[in-house]
Amino acid sequence: MKWNIPKAKIRNLAMFFAVGTLLAVLMFQVFSKEEKSVSNVGNTELETELCMLLQEMDGVGEVNVMIYENENNVEGVVIICDGANNLQVNMNIREAVAAALGTNEKSIKIYLKK
């Protein structure tokens, strides 16, 4: 069986599918991009600001922060993030949090996010 379809129609149909596929991919990229959402446990202003700061660092990824304070002194910080298993990222987080909060690096605990 031989199909008798003009080349112009085949080209138009191919172009239609190519443009449709491109549009579908672009729509997926635009609408599936997660905004950097800050999902803190305590949601204090300090925790939110720290989350936003850490998310700007290379390799950190999505991050949650909990700060333990006693009479305005930071006693401990728990950070859960995507990049915790990378040693360099882990060290960068520890240094940045210690500098931002004026606390000892030993009081900062960093864990890998599920």
C-alpha atoms as a PDB file:
ATOM      1  CA  MET A   1       0.000   0.000   0.000  1.00  0.00           C
ATOM      2  CA  LYS A   2       1.454   3.314  -1.046  1.00  0.00           C
ATOM      3  CA  TRP A   3       0.563   6.549   0.643  1.00  0.00           C
ATOM      4  CA  ASN A   4       0.057   9.448  -1.674  1.00  0.00           C
ATOM      5  CA  ILE A   5       0.610  12.390   0.671  1.00  0.00           C
ATOM      6  CA  PRO A   6       2.148  15.586  -0.692  1.00  0.00           C
ATOM      7  CA  LYS A   7       5.527  16.536   0.817  1.00  0.00           C
ATOM      8  CA  ALA A   8       4.197  19.948   1.820  1.00  0.00           C
ATOM      9  CA  LYS A   9       1.541  18.345   4.037  1.00  0.00           C
ATOM     10  CA  ILE A  10       4.104  16.040   5.638  1.00  0.00           C
ATOM     11  CA  ARG A  11       6.401  18.993   6.288  1.00  0.00           C
ATOM     12  CA  ASN A  12       3.532  21.048   7.762  1.00  0.00           C
ATOM     13  CA  LEU A  13       2.447  18.139   9.947  1.00  0.00           C
ATOM     14  CA  ALA A  14       6.018  17.574  11.153  1.00  0.00           C
ATOM     15  CA  MET A  15       6.392  21.286  11.896  1.00  0.00           C
ATOM     16  CA  PHE A  16       3.077  21.272  13.766  1.00  0.00           C
ATOM     17  CA  PHE A  17       4.196  18.364  15.970  1.00  0.00           C
ATOM     18  CA  ALA A  18       7.637  19.923  16.541  1.00  0.00           C
ATOM     19  CA  VAL A  19       6.133  23.240  17.615  1.00  0.00           C
ATOM     20  CA  GLY A  20       3.551  21.439  19.771  1.00  0.00           C
ATOM     21  CA  THR A  21       6.247  19.382  21.475  1.00  0.00           C
ATOM     22  CA  LEU A  22       8.371  22.478  22.052  1.00  0.00           C
ATOM     23  CA  LEU A  23       5.417  24.318  23.561  1.00  0.00           C
ATOM     24  CA  ALA A  24       4.607  21.359  25.807  1.00  0.00           C
ATOM     25  CA  VAL A  25       8.201  21.201  27.069  1.00  0.00           C
ATOM     26  CA  LEU A  26       8.308  24.949  27.678  1.00  0.00           C
ATOM     27  CA  MET A  27       4.993  24.898  29.516  1.00  0.00           C
ATOM     28  CA  PHE A  28       6.240  22.036  31.679  1.00  0.00           C
ATOM     29  CA  GLN A  29       9.447  23.931  32.478  1.00  0.00           C
ATOM     30  CA  VAL A  30       7.623  27.144  33.323  1.00  0.00           C
ATOM     31  CA  PHE A  31       4.880  25.637  35.451  1.00  0.00           C
ATOM     32  CA  SER A  32       6.890  22.903  37.139  1.00  0.00           C
ATOM     33  CA  LYS A  33       9.618  25.186  38.416  1.00  0.00           C
ATOM     34  CA  GLU A  34       9.365  25.268  42.154  1.00  0.00           C
ATOM     35  CA  GLU A  35       9.814  28.667  43.588  1.00  0.00           C
ATOM     36  CA  LYS A  36      12.312  28.743  46.358  1.00  0.00           C
ATOM     37  CA  SER A  37       9.913  28.180  49.121  1.00  0.00           C
ATOM     38  CA  VAL A  38      10.966  28.553  52.674  1.00  0.00           C
ATOM     39  CA  SER A  39       9.463  25.759  54.699  1.00  0.00           C
ATOM     40  CA  ASN A  40      10.764  26.186  58.212  1.00  0.00           C
ATOM     41  CA  VAL A  41       9.689  24.327  61.279  1.00  0.00           C
ATOM     42  CA  GLY A  42       9.515  27.397  63.525  1.00  0.00           C
ATOM     43  CA  ASN A  43       9.084  29.971  60.786  1.00  0.00           C
ATOM     44  CA  THR A  44      10.653  32.768  62.817  1.00  0.00           C
ATOM     45  CA  GLU A  45      11.954  35.739  60.873  1.00  0.00           C
ATOM     46  CA  LEU A  46      15.548  34.771  61.632  1.00  0.00           C
ATOM     47  CA  GLU A  47      14.989  31.198  60.420  1.00  0.00           C
ATOM     48  CA  THR A  48      13.332  32.452  57.249  1.00  0.00           C
ATOM     49  CA  GLU A  49      16.208  34.844  56.508  1.00  0.00           C
ATOM     50  CA  LEU A  50      18.757  32.109  57.166  1.00  0.00           C
ATOM     51  CA  CYS A  51      16.901  29.726  54.830  1.00  0.00           C
ATOM     52  CA  MET A  52      16.885  32.322  52.073  1.00  0.00           C
ATOM     53  CA  LEU A  53      20.595  32.963  52.584  1.00  0.00           C
ATOM     54  CA  LEU A  54      21.502  29.274  52.497  1.00  0.00           C
ATOM     55  CA  GLN A  55      19.380  28.580  49.408  1.00  0.00           C
ATOM     56  CA  GLU A  56      21.514  31.098  47.518  1.00  0.00           C
ATOM     57  CA  MET A  57      24.652  29.077  48.230  1.00  0.00           C
ATOM     58  CA  ASP A  58      25.846  26.677  45.556  1.00  0.00           C
ATOM     59  CA  GLY A  59      24.945  23.063  46.219  1.00  0.00           C
ATOM     60  CA  VAL A  60      22.698  23.590  49.251  1.00  0.00           C
ATOM     61  CA  GLY A  61      19.382  23.021  47.468  1.00  0.00           C
ATOM     62  CA  GLU A  62      16.146  23.015  49.415  1.00  0.00           C
ATOM     63  CA  VAL A  63      16.730  23.752  53.084  1.00  0.00           C
ATOM     64  CA  ASN A  64      14.908  23.792  56.423  1.00  0.00           C
ATOM     65  CA  VAL A  65      16.304  25.578  59.472  1.00  0.00           C
ATOM     66  CA  MET A  66      15.492  25.454  63.164  1.00  0.00           C
ATOM     67  CA  ILE A  67      17.241  27.786  65.585  1.00  0.00           C
ATOM     68  CA  TYR A  68      17.255  27.049  69.319  1.00  0.00           C
ATOM     69  CA  GLU A  69      17.564  30.212  71.390  1.00  0.00           C
ATOM     70  CA  ASN A  70      17.746  30.838  75.111  1.00  0.00           C
ATOM     71  CA  GLU A  71      17.373  34.449  76.228  1.00  0.00           C
ATOM     72  CA  ASN A  72      18.445  35.759  72.789  1.00  0.00           C
ATOM     73  CA  ASN A  73      21.525  33.513  72.725  1.00  0.00           C
ATOM     74  CA  VAL A  74      21.711  30.926  69.962  1.00  0.00           C
ATOM     75  CA  GLU A  75      22.333  27.566  71.596  1.00  0.00           C
ATOM     76  CA  GLY A  76      21.949  25.361  68.562  1.00  0.00           C
ATOM     77  CA  VAL A  77      21.000  25.276  64.899  1.00  0.00           C
ATOM     78  CA  VAL A  78      19.619  22.305  62.981  1.00  0.00           C
ATOM     79  CA  ILE A  79      19.810  22.455  59.208  1.00  0.00           C
ATOM     80  CA  ILE A  80      18.306  19.879  56.896  1.00  0.00           C
ATOM     81  CA  CYS A  81      19.171  20.294  53.219  1.00  0.00           C
ATOM     82  CA  ASP A  82      19.679  18.499  49.923  1.00  0.00           C
ATOM     83  CA  GLY A  83      23.431  19.171  49.754  1.00  0.00           C
ATOM     84  CA  ALA A  84      24.387  18.030  53.245  1.00  0.00           C
ATOM     85  CA  ASN A  85      26.270  14.959  52.013  1.00  0.00           C
ATOM     86  CA  ASN A  86      28.776  17.124  50.079  1.00  0.00           C
ATOM     87  CA  LEU A  87      31.657  17.903  52.444  1.00  0.00           C
ATOM     88  CA  GLN A  88      32.460  21.298  50.899  1.00  0.00           C
ATOM     89  CA  VAL A  89      28.792  22.369  50.975  1.00  0.00           C
ATOM     90  CA  ASN A  90      28.543  21.151  54.566  1.00  0.00           C
ATOM     91  CA  MET A  91      31.575  23.208  55.586  1.00  0.00           C
ATOM     92  CA  ASN A  92      30.291  26.288  53.737  1.00  0.00           C
ATOM     93  CA  ILE A  93      26.910  26.017  55.478  1.00  0.00           C
ATOM     94  CA  ARG A  94      28.553  25.649  58.886  1.00  0.00           C
ATOM     95  CA  GLU A  95      30.775  28.698  58.333  1.00  0.00           C
ATOM     96  CA  ALA A  96      27.969  30.866  56.945  1.00  0.00           C
ATOM     97  CA  VAL A  97      25.550  30.018  59.760  1.00  0.00           C
ATOM     98  CA  ALA A  98      28.199  30.583  62.440  1.00  0.00           C
ATOM     99  CA  ALA A  99      29.059  33.965  60.921  1.00  0.00           C
ATOM    100  CA  ALA A 100      25.432  35.013  60.436  1.00  0.00           C
ATOM    101  CA  LEU A 101      24.314  34.042  63.939  1.00  0.00           C
ATOM    102  CA  GLY A 102      27.542  34.666  65.829  1.00  0.00           C
ATOM    103  CA  THR A 103      27.557  31.159  67.229  1.00  0.00           C
ATOM    104  CA  ASN A 104      30.084  28.347  67.546  1.00  0.00           C
ATOM    105  CA  GLU A 105      30.327  25.993  64.565  1.00  0.00           C
ATOM    106  CA  LYS A 106      30.043  23.031  66.947  1.00  0.00           C
ATOM    107  CA  SER A 107      26.476  24.064  67.802  1.00  0.00           C
ATOM    108  CA  ILE A 108      25.399  23.699  64.152  1.00  0.00           C
ATOM    109  CA  LYS A 109      24.102  20.296  63.062  1.00  0.00           C
ATOM    110  CA  ILE A 110      23.575  19.614  59.359  1.00  0.00           C
ATOM    111  CA  TYR A 111      21.581  16.645  58.044  1.00  0.00           C
ATOM    112  CA  LEU A 112      20.654  15.314  54.622  1.00  0.00           C
ATOM    113  CA  LYS A 113      17.080  15.934  53.513  1.00  0.00           C
ATOM    114  CA  LYS A 114      14.988  12.938  52.426  1.00  0.00           C
END
